Amino acid sequence: MVLLRQELGDVLREERQQQRRTLREVSAAARVSLGYLSEVERGQKEASSELLASICGALELPMSIVLSQVSERVAETERTEAGVASLPVPARATGLVSAA
């Protein structure tokens, strides 16, 4: 079973590490305790929308990008768990417009 908080934490941690920033640096910039940010990154705590916005701001990363990456990871996990090569994607999710 895929947990949204784990995928979100993974995306945030990977971005922070790509930026070569420490938990301390990001927690200070986001005005979040170091311990809480660590728990969010490890998928142990749910991030509120306000907290997520603050962390994304500290990382200078649009929340929409983070959520998009989380969505892609969740979809991949669902496909893997279902043993299906690909699940159908609704037209609205791909940006396609129906000709109807």
PDB file of N, CA and C in Angstrom:
ATOM      1  N   MET A   1       0.848  -1.184   0.000  1.00  0.00           N
ATOM      2  CA  MET A   1       0.000   0.000   0.000  1.00  0.00           C
ATOM      3  C   MET A   1       0.890   1.243   0.000  1.00  0.00           C
ATOM      4  N   VAL A   2       0.597   2.140  -0.882  1.00  0.00           N
ATOM      5  CA  VAL A   2       1.360   3.378  -0.985  1.00  0.00           C
ATOM      6  C   VAL A   2       0.821   4.388   0.025  1.00  0.00           C
ATOM      7  N   LEU A   3       1.741   5.055   0.714  1.00  0.00           N
ATOM      8  CA  LEU A   3       1.351   6.102   1.653  1.00  0.00           C
ATOM      9  C   LEU A   3       1.791   7.441   1.093  1.00  0.00           C
ATOM     10  N   LEU A   4       0.848   8.339   0.985  1.00  0.00           N
ATOM     11  CA  LEU A   4       1.117   9.663   0.431  1.00  0.00           C
ATOM     12  C   LEU A   4       2.204  10.381   1.217  1.00  0.00           C
ATOM     13  N   ARG A   5       2.158  10.285   2.545  1.00  0.00           N
ATOM     14  CA  ARG A   5       3.141  11.010   3.360  1.00  0.00           C
ATOM     15  C   ARG A   5       4.555  10.501   3.115  1.00  0.00           C
ATOM     16  N   GLN A   6       4.709   9.207   2.805  1.00  0.00           N
ATOM     17  CA  GLN A   6       6.041   8.677   2.523  1.00  0.00           C
ATOM     18  C   GLN A   6       6.556   9.182   1.179  1.00  0.00           C
ATOM     19  N   GLU A   7       5.700   9.187   0.191  1.00  0.00           N
ATOM     20  CA  GLU A   7       6.109   9.684  -1.130  1.00  0.00           C
ATOM     21  C   GLU A   7       6.444  11.173  -1.063  1.00  0.00           C
ATOM     22  N   LEU A   8       5.635  11.937  -0.345  1.00  0.00           N
ATOM     23  CA  LEU A   8       5.885  13.371  -0.188  1.00  0.00           C
ATOM     24  C   LEU A   8       7.220  13.590   0.508  1.00  0.00           C
ATOM     25  N   GLY A   9       7.458  12.855   1.569  1.00  0.00           N
ATOM     26  CA  GLY A   9       8.722  12.979   2.287  1.00  0.00           C
ATOM     27  C   GLY A   9       9.917  12.651   1.422  1.00  0.00           C
ATOM     28  N   ASP A  10       9.781  11.597   0.615  1.00  0.00           N
ATOM     29  CA  ASP A  10      10.878  11.219  -0.280  1.00  0.00           C
ATOM     30  C   ASP A  10      11.182  12.329  -1.287  1.00  0.00           C
ATOM     31  N   VAL A  11      10.142  12.913  -1.860  1.00  0.00           N
ATOM     32  CA  VAL A  11      10.337  13.985  -2.843  1.00  0.00           C
ATOM     33  C   VAL A  11      11.020  15.183  -2.184  1.00  0.00           C
ATOM     34  N   LEU A  12      10.558  15.564  -1.002  1.00  0.00           N
ATOM     35  CA  LEU A  12      11.149  16.709  -0.313  1.00  0.00           C
ATOM     36  C   LEU A  12      12.607  16.442   0.049  1.00  0.00           C
ATOM     37  N   ARG A  13      12.895  15.265   0.576  1.00  0.00           N
ATOM     38  CA  ARG A  13      14.271  14.925   0.962  1.00  0.00           C
ATOM     39  C   ARG A  13      15.188  14.909  -0.260  1.00  0.00           C
ATOM     40  N   GLU A  14      14.734  14.278  -1.345  1.00  0.00           N
ATOM     41  CA  GLU A  14      15.558  14.212  -2.550  1.00  0.00           C
ATOM     42  C   GLU A  14      15.862  15.600  -3.093  1.00  0.00           C
ATOM     43  N   GLU A  15      14.868  16.477  -3.076  1.00  0.00           N
ATOM     44  CA  GLU A  15      15.095  17.845  -3.558  1.00  0.00           C
ATOM     45  C   GLU A  15      16.094  18.570  -2.657  1.00  0.00           C
ATOM     46  N   ARG A  16      15.924  18.428  -1.351  1.00  0.00           N
ATOM     47  CA  ARG A  16      16.851  19.088  -0.419  1.00  0.00           C
ATOM     48  C   ARG A  16      18.272  18.581  -0.640  1.00  0.00           C
ATOM     49  N   GLN A  17      18.419  17.282  -0.803  1.00  0.00           N
ATOM     50  CA  GLN A  17      19.750  16.711  -1.016  1.00  0.00           C
ATOM     51  C   GLN A  17      20.346  17.132  -2.349  1.00  0.00           C
ATOM     52  N   GLN A  18      19.511  17.241  -3.386  1.00  0.00           N
ATOM     53  CA  GLN A  18      19.999  17.720  -4.686  1.00  0.00           C
ATOM     54  C   GLN A  18      20.538  19.143  -4.567  1.00  0.00           C
ATOM     55  N   GLN A  19      19.919  19.915  -3.701  1.00  0.00           N
ATOM     56  CA  GLN A  19      20.369  21.292  -3.484  1.00  0.00           C
ATOM     57  C   GLN A  19      21.573  21.356  -2.540  1.00  0.00           C
ATOM     58  N   ARG A  20      21.981  20.200  -2.041  1.00  0.00           N
ATOM     59  CA  ARG A  20      23.097  20.092  -1.087  1.00  0.00           C
ATOM     60  C   ARG A  20      22.865  20.970   0.142  1.00  0.00           C
ATOM     61  N   ARG A  21      21.644  20.889   0.642  1.00  0.00           N
ATOM     62  CA  ARG A  21      21.286  21.658   1.840  1.00  0.00           C
ATOM     63  C   ARG A  21      21.010  20.702   2.983  1.00  0.00           C
ATOM     64  N   THR A  22      21.271  21.167   4.173  1.00  0.00           N
ATOM     65  CA  THR A  22      21.048  20.348   5.357  1.00  0.00           C
ATOM     66  C   THR A  22      19.621  20.522   5.864  1.00  0.00           C
ATOM     67  N   LEU A  23      19.202  19.560   6.687  1.00  0.00           N
ATOM     68  CA  LEU A  23      17.901  19.693   7.350  1.00  0.00           C
ATOM     69  C   LEU A  23      17.856  20.994   8.142  1.00  0.00           C
ATOM     70  N   ARG A  24      18.945  21.316   8.805  1.00  0.00           N
ATOM     71  CA  ARG A  24      19.006  22.533   9.627  1.00  0.00           C
ATOM     72  C   ARG A  24      18.767  23.780   8.782  1.00  0.00           C
ATOM     73  N   GLU A  25      19.404  23.847   7.619  1.00  0.00           N
ATOM     74  CA  GLU A  25      19.246  25.012   6.746  1.00  0.00           C
ATOM     75  C   GLU A  25      17.798  25.167   6.293  1.00  0.00           C
ATOM     76  N   VAL A  26      17.208  24.064   5.833  1.00  0.00           N
ATOM     77  CA  VAL A  26      15.841  24.127   5.306  1.00  0.00           C
ATOM     78  C   VAL A  26      14.844  24.371   6.432  1.00  0.00           C
ATOM     79  N   SER A  27      15.044  23.741   7.570  1.00  0.00           N
ATOM     80  CA  SER A  27      14.108  23.942   8.676  1.00  0.00           C
ATOM     81  C   SER A  27      14.131  25.391   9.143  1.00  0.00           C
ATOM     82  N   ALA A  28      15.310  26.001   9.178  1.00  0.00           N
ATOM     83  CA  ALA A  28      15.410  27.408   9.577  1.00  0.00           C
ATOM     84  C   ALA A  28      14.708  28.311   8.556  1.00  0.00           C
ATOM     85  N   ALA A  29      14.951  28.049   7.279  1.00  0.00           N
ATOM     86  CA  ALA A  29      14.332  28.863   6.226  1.00  0.00           C
ATOM     87  C   ALA A  29      12.818  28.689   6.206  1.00  0.00           C
ATOM     88  N   ALA A  30      12.348  27.479   6.500  1.00  0.00           N
ATOM     89  CA  ALA A  30      10.911  27.197   6.478  1.00  0.00           C
ATOM     90  C   ALA A  30      10.237  27.555   7.799  1.00  0.00           C
ATOM     91  N   ARG A  31      11.041  27.855   8.816  1.00  0.00           N
ATOM     92  CA  ARG A  31      10.538  28.160  10.156  1.00  0.00           C
ATOM     93  C   ARG A  31       9.755  26.982  10.729  1.00  0.00           C
ATOM     94  N   VAL A  32      10.374  25.808  10.582  1.00  0.00           N
ATOM     95  CA  VAL A  32       9.826  24.541  11.062  1.00  0.00           C
ATOM     96  C   VAL A  32      10.916  23.893  11.905  1.00  0.00           C
ATOM     97  N   SER A  33      10.533  23.224  12.969  1.00  0.00           N
ATOM     98  CA  SER A  33      11.566  22.582  13.783  1.00  0.00           C
ATOM     99  C   SER A  33      12.287  21.515  12.965  1.00  0.00           C
ATOM    100  N   LEU A  34      13.562  21.379  13.264  1.00  0.00           N
ATOM    101  CA  LEU A  34      14.382  20.403  12.565  1.00  0.00           C
ATOM    102  C   LEU A  34      13.806  18.996  12.739  1.00  0.00           C
ATOM    103  N   GLY A  35      13.390  18.673  13.939  1.00  0.00           N
ATOM    104  CA  GLY A  35      12.832  17.351  14.208  1.00  0.00           C
ATOM    105  C   GLY A  35      11.566  17.083  13.416  1.00  0.00           C
ATOM    106  N   TYR A  36      10.708  18.091  13.323  1.00  0.00           N
ATOM    107  CA  TYR A  36       9.452  17.902  12.589  1.00  0.00           C
ATOM    108  C   TYR A  36       9.718  17.731  11.096  1.00  0.00           C
ATOM    109  N   LEU A  37      10.622  18.546  10.552  1.00  0.00           N
ATOM    110  CA  LEU A  37      10.964  18.412   9.136  1.00  0.00           C
ATOM    111  C   LEU A  37      11.551  17.028   8.866  1.00  0.00           C
ATOM    112  N   SER A  38      12.380  16.552   9.764  1.00  0.00           N
ATOM    113  CA  SER A  38      12.946  15.219   9.617  1.00  0.00           C
ATOM    114  C   SER A  38      11.851  14.155   9.597  1.00  0.00           C
ATOM    115  N   GLU A  39      10.874  14.290  10.469  1.00  0.00           N
ATOM    116  CA  GLU A  39       9.769  13.328  10.502  1.00  0.00           C
ATOM    117  C   GLU A  39       8.932  13.390   9.227  1.00  0.00           C
ATOM    118  N   VAL A  40       8.742  14.587   8.689  1.00  0.00           N
ATOM    119  CA  VAL A  40       8.006  14.730   7.428  1.00  0.00           C
ATOM    120  C   VAL A  40       8.782  14.037   6.307  1.00  0.00           C
ATOM    121  N   GLU A  41      10.085  14.277   6.236  1.00  0.00           N
ATOM    122  CA  GLU A  41      10.900  13.660   5.192  1.00  0.00           C
ATOM    123  C   GLU A  41      10.914  12.138   5.299  1.00  0.00           C
ATOM    124  N   ARG A  42      10.822  11.605   6.503  1.00  0.00           N
ATOM    125  CA  ARG A  42      10.831  10.154   6.692  1.00  0.00           C
ATOM    126  C   ARG A  42       9.437   9.549   6.574  1.00  0.00           C
ATOM    127  N   GLY A  43       8.439  10.386   6.285  1.00  0.00           N
ATOM    128  CA  GLY A  43       7.079   9.886   6.114  1.00  0.00           C
ATOM    129  C   GLY A  43       6.399   9.513   7.413  1.00  0.00           C
ATOM    130  N   GLN A  44       6.890  10.042   8.517  1.00  0.00           N
ATOM    131  CA  GLN A  44       6.314   9.722   9.827  1.00  0.00           C
ATOM    132  C   GLN A  44       5.250  10.725  10.258  1.00  0.00           C
ATOM    133  N   LYS A  45       5.271  11.914   9.672  1.00  0.00           N
ATOM    134  CA  LYS A  45       4.283  12.947   9.986  1.00  0.00           C
ATOM    135  C   LYS A  45       3.638  13.443   8.713  1.00  0.00           C
ATOM    136  N   GLU A  46       2.353  13.772   8.827  1.00  0.00           N
ATOM    137  CA  GLU A  46       1.625  14.386   7.715  1.00  0.00           C
ATOM    138  C   GLU A  46       1.946  15.884   7.698  1.00  0.00           C
ATOM    139  N   ALA A  47       2.233  16.414   6.554  1.00  0.00           N
ATOM    140  CA  ALA A  47       2.486  17.851   6.422  1.00  0.00           C
ATOM    141  C   ALA A  47       1.178  18.562   6.090  1.00  0.00           C
ATOM    142  N   SER A  48       0.828  19.565   6.880  1.00  0.00           N
ATOM    143  CA  SER A  48      -0.348  20.375   6.548  1.00  0.00           C
ATOM    144  C   SER A  48      -0.037  21.171   5.285  1.00  0.00           C
ATOM    145  N   SER A  49      -1.063  21.729   4.680  1.00  0.00           N
ATOM    146  CA  SER A  49      -0.831  22.523   3.471  1.00  0.00           C
ATOM    147  C   SER A  49       0.029  23.745   3.788  1.00  0.00           C
ATOM    148  N   GLU A  50      -0.147  24.328   4.968  1.00  0.00           N
ATOM    149  CA  GLU A  50       0.660  25.485   5.360  1.00  0.00           C
ATOM    150  C   GLU A  50       2.119  25.090   5.537  1.00  0.00           C
ATOM    151  N   LEU A  51       2.342  23.946   6.184  1.00  0.00           N
ATOM    152  CA  LEU A  51       3.711  23.467   6.393  1.00  0.00           C
ATOM    153  C   LEU A  51       4.358  23.122   5.058  1.00  0.00           C
ATOM    154  N   LEU A  52       3.621  22.445   4.202  1.00  0.00           N
ATOM    155  CA  LEU A  52       4.150  22.089   2.888  1.00  0.00           C
ATOM    156  C   LEU A  52       4.513  23.347   2.094  1.00  0.00           C
ATOM    157  N   ALA A  53       3.664  24.346   2.143  1.00  0.00           N
ATOM    158  CA  ALA A  53       3.953  25.601   1.442  1.00  0.00           C
ATOM    159  C   ALA A  53       5.222  26.248   1.985  1.00  0.00           C
ATOM    160  N   SER A  54       5.406  26.188   3.285  1.00  0.00           N
ATOM    161  CA  SER A  54       6.588  26.769   3.905  1.00  0.00           C
ATOM    162  C   SER A  54       7.855  26.012   3.500  1.00  0.00           C
ATOM    163  N   ILE A  55       7.786  24.698   3.490  1.00  0.00           N
ATOM    164  CA  ILE A  55       8.943  23.887   3.091  1.00  0.00           C
ATOM    165  C   ILE A  55       9.267  24.115   1.619  1.00  0.00           C
ATOM    166  N   CYS A  56       8.247  24.126   0.786  1.00  0.00           N
ATOM    167  CA  CYS A  56       8.458  24.373  -0.647  1.00  0.00           C
ATOM    168  C   CYS A  56       9.069  25.762  -0.860  1.00  0.00           C
ATOM    169  N   GLY A  57       8.597  26.729  -0.113  1.00  0.00           N
ATOM    170  CA  GLY A  57       9.161  28.076  -0.211  1.00  0.00           C
ATOM    171  C   GLY A  57      10.630  28.092   0.166  1.00  0.00           C
ATOM    172  N   ALA A  58      10.972  27.384   1.235  1.00  0.00           N
ATOM    173  CA  ALA A  58      12.363  27.313   1.671  1.00  0.00           C
ATOM    174  C   ALA A  58      13.237  26.632   0.624  1.00  0.00           C
ATOM    175  N   LEU A  59      12.670  25.671  -0.089  1.00  0.00           N
ATOM    176  CA  LEU A  59      13.402  24.967  -1.138  1.00  0.00           C
ATOM    177  C   LEU A  59      13.340  25.701  -2.479  1.00  0.00           C
ATOM    178  N   GLU A  60      12.584  26.803  -2.513  1.00  0.00           N
ATOM    179  CA  GLU A  60      12.361  27.563  -3.749  1.00  0.00           C
ATOM    180  C   GLU A  60      11.866  26.640  -4.860  1.00  0.00           C
ATOM    181  N   LEU A  61      10.865  25.850  -4.488  1.00  0.00           N
ATOM    182  CA  LEU A  61      10.298  24.854  -5.381  1.00  0.00           C
ATOM    183  C   LEU A  61       8.779  25.003  -5.351  1.00  0.00           C
ATOM    184  N   PRO A  62       8.145  25.224  -6.495  1.00  0.00           N
ATOM    185  CA  PRO A  62       6.686  25.352  -6.503  1.00  0.00           C
ATOM    186  C   PRO A  62       6.008  24.102  -5.941  1.00  0.00           C
ATOM    187  N   MET A  63       5.000  24.309  -5.120  1.00  0.00           N
ATOM    188  CA  MET A  63       4.264  23.195  -4.548  1.00  0.00           C
ATOM    189  C   MET A  63       3.666  22.323  -5.650  1.00  0.00           C
ATOM    190  N   SER A  64       3.277  22.918  -6.747  1.00  0.00           N
ATOM    191  CA  SER A  64       2.694  22.144  -7.845  1.00  0.00           C
ATOM    192  C   SER A  64       3.690  21.126  -8.396  1.00  0.00           C
ATOM    193  N   ILE A  65       4.959  21.468  -8.427  1.00  0.00           N
ATOM    194  CA  ILE A  65       5.994  20.546  -8.896  1.00  0.00           C
ATOM    195  C   ILE A  65       6.134  19.384  -7.920  1.00  0.00           C
ATOM    196  N   VAL A  66       6.156  19.699  -6.630  1.00  0.00           N
ATOM    197  CA  VAL A  66       6.263  18.649  -5.605  1.00  0.00           C
ATOM    198  C   VAL A  66       5.081  17.704  -5.707  1.00  0.00           C
ATOM    199  N   LEU A  67       3.883  18.252  -5.784  1.00  0.00           N
ATOM    200  CA  LEU A  67       2.687  17.413  -5.845  1.00  0.00           C
ATOM    201  C   LEU A  67       2.639  16.592  -7.126  1.00  0.00           C
ATOM    202  N   SER A  68       3.124  17.152  -8.219  1.00  0.00           N
ATOM    203  CA  SER A  68       3.180  16.416  -9.478  1.00  0.00           C
ATOM    204  C   SER A  68       4.129  15.225  -9.359  1.00  0.00           C
ATOM    205  N   GLN A  69       5.280  15.447  -8.750  1.00  0.00           N
ATOM    206  CA  GLN A  69       6.243  14.353  -8.571  1.00  0.00           C
ATOM    207  C   GLN A  69       5.674  13.275  -7.652  1.00  0.00           C
ATOM    208  N   VAL A  70       4.982  13.701  -6.597  1.00  0.00           N
ATOM    209  CA  VAL A  70       4.352  12.739  -5.689  1.00  0.00           C
ATOM    210  C   VAL A  70       3.302  11.933  -6.446  1.00  0.00           C
ATOM    211  N   SER A  71       2.509  12.603  -7.257  1.00  0.00           N
ATOM    212  CA  SER A  71       1.476  11.927  -8.039  1.00  0.00           C
ATOM    213  C   SER A  71       2.080  10.884  -8.969  1.00  0.00           C
ATOM    214  N   GLU A  72       3.168  11.223  -9.629  1.00  0.00           N
ATOM    215  CA  GLU A  72       3.836  10.283 -10.532  1.00  0.00           C
ATOM    216  C   GLU A  72       4.335   9.060  -9.770  1.00  0.00           C
ATOM    217  N   ARG A  73       4.884   9.275  -8.572  1.00  0.00           N
ATOM    218  CA  ARG A  73       5.386   8.163  -7.759  1.00  0.00           C
ATOM    219  C   ARG A  73       4.243   7.258  -7.294  1.00  0.00           C
ATOM    220  N   VAL A  74       3.145   7.870  -6.890  1.00  0.00           N
ATOM    221  CA  VAL A  74       1.991   7.090  -6.446  1.00  0.00           C
ATOM    222  C   VAL A  74       1.461   6.253  -7.600  1.00  0.00           C
ATOM    223  N   ALA A  75       1.340   6.852  -8.774  1.00  0.00           N
ATOM    224  CA  ALA A  75       0.851   6.118  -9.949  1.00  0.00           C
ATOM    225  C   ALA A  75       1.770   4.953 -10.283  1.00  0.00           C
ATOM    226  N   GLU A  76       3.068   5.170 -10.221  1.00  0.00           N
ATOM    227  CA  GLU A  76       4.029   4.090 -10.517  1.00  0.00           C
ATOM    228  C   GLU A  76       3.898   2.965  -9.500  1.00  0.00           C
ATOM    229  N   THR A  77       3.756   3.311  -8.247  1.00  0.00           N
ATOM    230  CA  THR A  77       3.593   2.293  -7.205  1.00  0.00           C
ATOM    231  C   THR A  77       2.306   1.514  -7.409  1.00  0.00           C
ATOM    232  N   GLU A  78       1.235   2.212  -7.768  1.00  0.00           N
ATOM    233  CA  GLU A  78      -0.037   1.531  -8.022  1.00  0.00           C
ATOM    234  C   GLU A  78       0.083   0.562  -9.189  1.00  0.00           C
ATOM    235  N   ARG A  79       0.764   0.989 -10.245  1.00  0.00           N
ATOM    236  CA  ARG A  79       0.949   0.103 -11.393  1.00  0.00           C
ATOM    237  C   ARG A  79       1.761  -1.122 -10.993  1.00  0.00           C
ATOM    238  N   THR A  80       2.806  -0.911 -10.240  1.00  0.00           N
ATOM    239  CA  THR A  80       3.669  -2.007  -9.806  1.00  0.00           C
ATOM    240  C   THR A  80       2.908  -2.975  -8.914  1.00  0.00           C
ATOM    241  N   GLU A  81       2.167  -2.436  -7.962  1.00  0.00           N
ATOM    242  CA  GLU A  81       1.414  -3.283  -7.034  1.00  0.00           C
ATOM    243  C   GLU A  81       0.305  -4.050  -7.743  1.00  0.00           C
ATOM    244  N   ALA A  82      -0.275  -3.435  -8.764  1.00  0.00           N
ATOM    245  CA  ALA A  82      -1.357  -4.085  -9.505  1.00  0.00           C
ATOM    246  C   ALA A  82      -0.809  -5.086 -10.523  1.00  0.00           C
ATOM    247  N   GLY A  83       0.500  -5.018 -10.771  1.00  0.00           N
ATOM    248  CA  GLY A  83       1.094  -5.917 -11.759  1.00  0.00           C
ATOM    249  C   GLY A  83       0.663  -5.572 -13.166  1.00  0.00           C
ATOM    250  N   VAL A  84       0.327  -4.316 -13.387  1.00  0.00           N
ATOM    251  CA  VAL A  84      -0.165  -3.859 -14.683  1.00  0.00           C
ATOM    252  C   VAL A  84       0.898  -2.967 -15.306  1.00  0.00           C
ATOM    253  N   ALA A  85       1.137  -3.149 -16.602  1.00  0.00           N
ATOM    254  CA  ALA A  85       2.137  -2.333 -17.291  1.00  0.00           C
ATOM    255  C   ALA A  85       1.762  -0.860 -17.261  1.00  0.00           C
ATOM    256  N   SER A  86       0.481  -0.583 -17.471  1.00  0.00           N
ATOM    257  CA  SER A  86       0.037   0.807 -17.384  1.00  0.00           C
ATOM    258  C   SER A  86      -1.457   0.834 -17.123  1.00  0.00           C
ATOM    259  N   LEU A  87      -1.842   1.740 -16.264  1.00  0.00           N
ATOM    260  CA  LEU A  87      -3.254   1.936 -15.970  1.00  0.00           C
ATOM    261  C   LEU A  87      -3.793   3.010 -16.895  1.00  0.00           C
ATOM    262  N   PRO A  88      -5.065   2.942 -17.246  1.00  0.00           N
ATOM    263  CA  PRO A  88      -5.623   4.007 -18.089  1.00  0.00           C
ATOM    264  C   PRO A  88      -5.573   5.337 -17.344  1.00  0.00           C
ATOM    265  N   VAL A  89      -5.256   6.383 -18.070  1.00  0.00           N
ATOM    266  CA  VAL A  89      -5.183   7.723 -17.499  1.00  0.00           C
ATOM    267  C   VAL A  89      -6.345   8.530 -18.044  1.00  0.00           C
ATOM    268  N   PRO A  90      -7.162   9.119 -17.162  1.00  0.00           N
ATOM    269  CA  PRO A  90      -8.282   9.936 -17.638  1.00  0.00           C
ATOM    270  C   PRO A  90      -7.775  11.096 -18.495  1.00  0.00           C
ATOM    271  N   ALA A  91      -8.536  11.472 -19.500  1.00  0.00           N
ATOM    272  CA  ALA A  91      -8.136  12.542 -20.419  1.00  0.00           C
ATOM    273  C   ALA A  91      -7.810  13.826 -19.678  1.00  0.00           C
ATOM    274  N   ARG A  92      -8.565  14.147 -18.636  1.00  0.00           N
ATOM    275  CA  ARG A  92      -8.316  15.401 -17.919  1.00  0.00           C
ATOM    276  C   ARG A  92      -6.967  15.398 -17.225  1.00  0.00           C
ATOM    277  N   ALA A  93      -6.460  14.231 -16.851  1.00  0.00           N
ATOM    278  CA  ALA A  93      -5.170  14.134 -16.161  1.00  0.00           C
ATOM    279  C   ALA A  93      -4.003  14.349 -17.116  1.00  0.00           C
ATOM    280  N   THR A  94      -4.201  14.121 -18.392  1.00  0.00           N
ATOM    281  CA  THR A  94      -3.119  14.281 -19.358  1.00  0.00           C
ATOM    282  C   THR A  94      -3.161  15.628 -20.051  1.00  0.00           C
ATOM    283  N   GLY A  95      -4.164  16.418 -19.760  1.00  0.00           N
ATOM    284  CA  GLY A  95      -4.288  17.710 -20.414  1.00  0.00           C
ATOM    285  C   GLY A  95      -4.960  17.628 -21.768  1.00  0.00           C
ATOM    286  N   LEU A  96      -5.448  16.447 -22.148  1.00  0.00           N
ATOM    287  CA  LEU A  96      -6.109  16.289 -23.434  1.00  0.00           C
ATOM    288  C   LEU A  96      -7.543  16.777 -23.337  1.00  0.00           C
ATOM    289  N   VAL A  97      -8.034  17.309 -24.381  1.00  0.00           N
ATOM    290  CA  VAL A  97      -9.408  17.812 -24.427  1.00  0.00           C
ATOM    291  C   VAL A  97     -10.224  16.921 -25.345  1.00  0.00           C
ATOM    292  N   SER A  98     -11.376  16.550 -24.882  1.00  0.00           N
ATOM    293  CA  SER A  98     -12.249  15.691 -25.685  1.00  0.00           C
ATOM    294  C   SER A  98     -12.822  16.483 -26.858  1.00  0.00           C
ATOM    295  N   ALA A  99     -12.973  15.829 -27.989  1.00  0.00           N
ATOM    296  CA  ALA A  99     -13.535  16.487 -29.175  1.00  0.00           C
ATOM    297  C   ALA A  99     -15.048  16.444 -29.175  1.00  0.00           C
ATOM    298  N   ALA A 100     -15.635  15.855 -28.126  1.00  0.00           N
ATOM    299  CA  ALA A 100     -17.096  15.696 -28.064  1.00  0.00           C
ATOM    300  C   ALA A 100     -17.833  16.984 -27.910  1.00  0.00           C
TER     301      ALA A 100
END
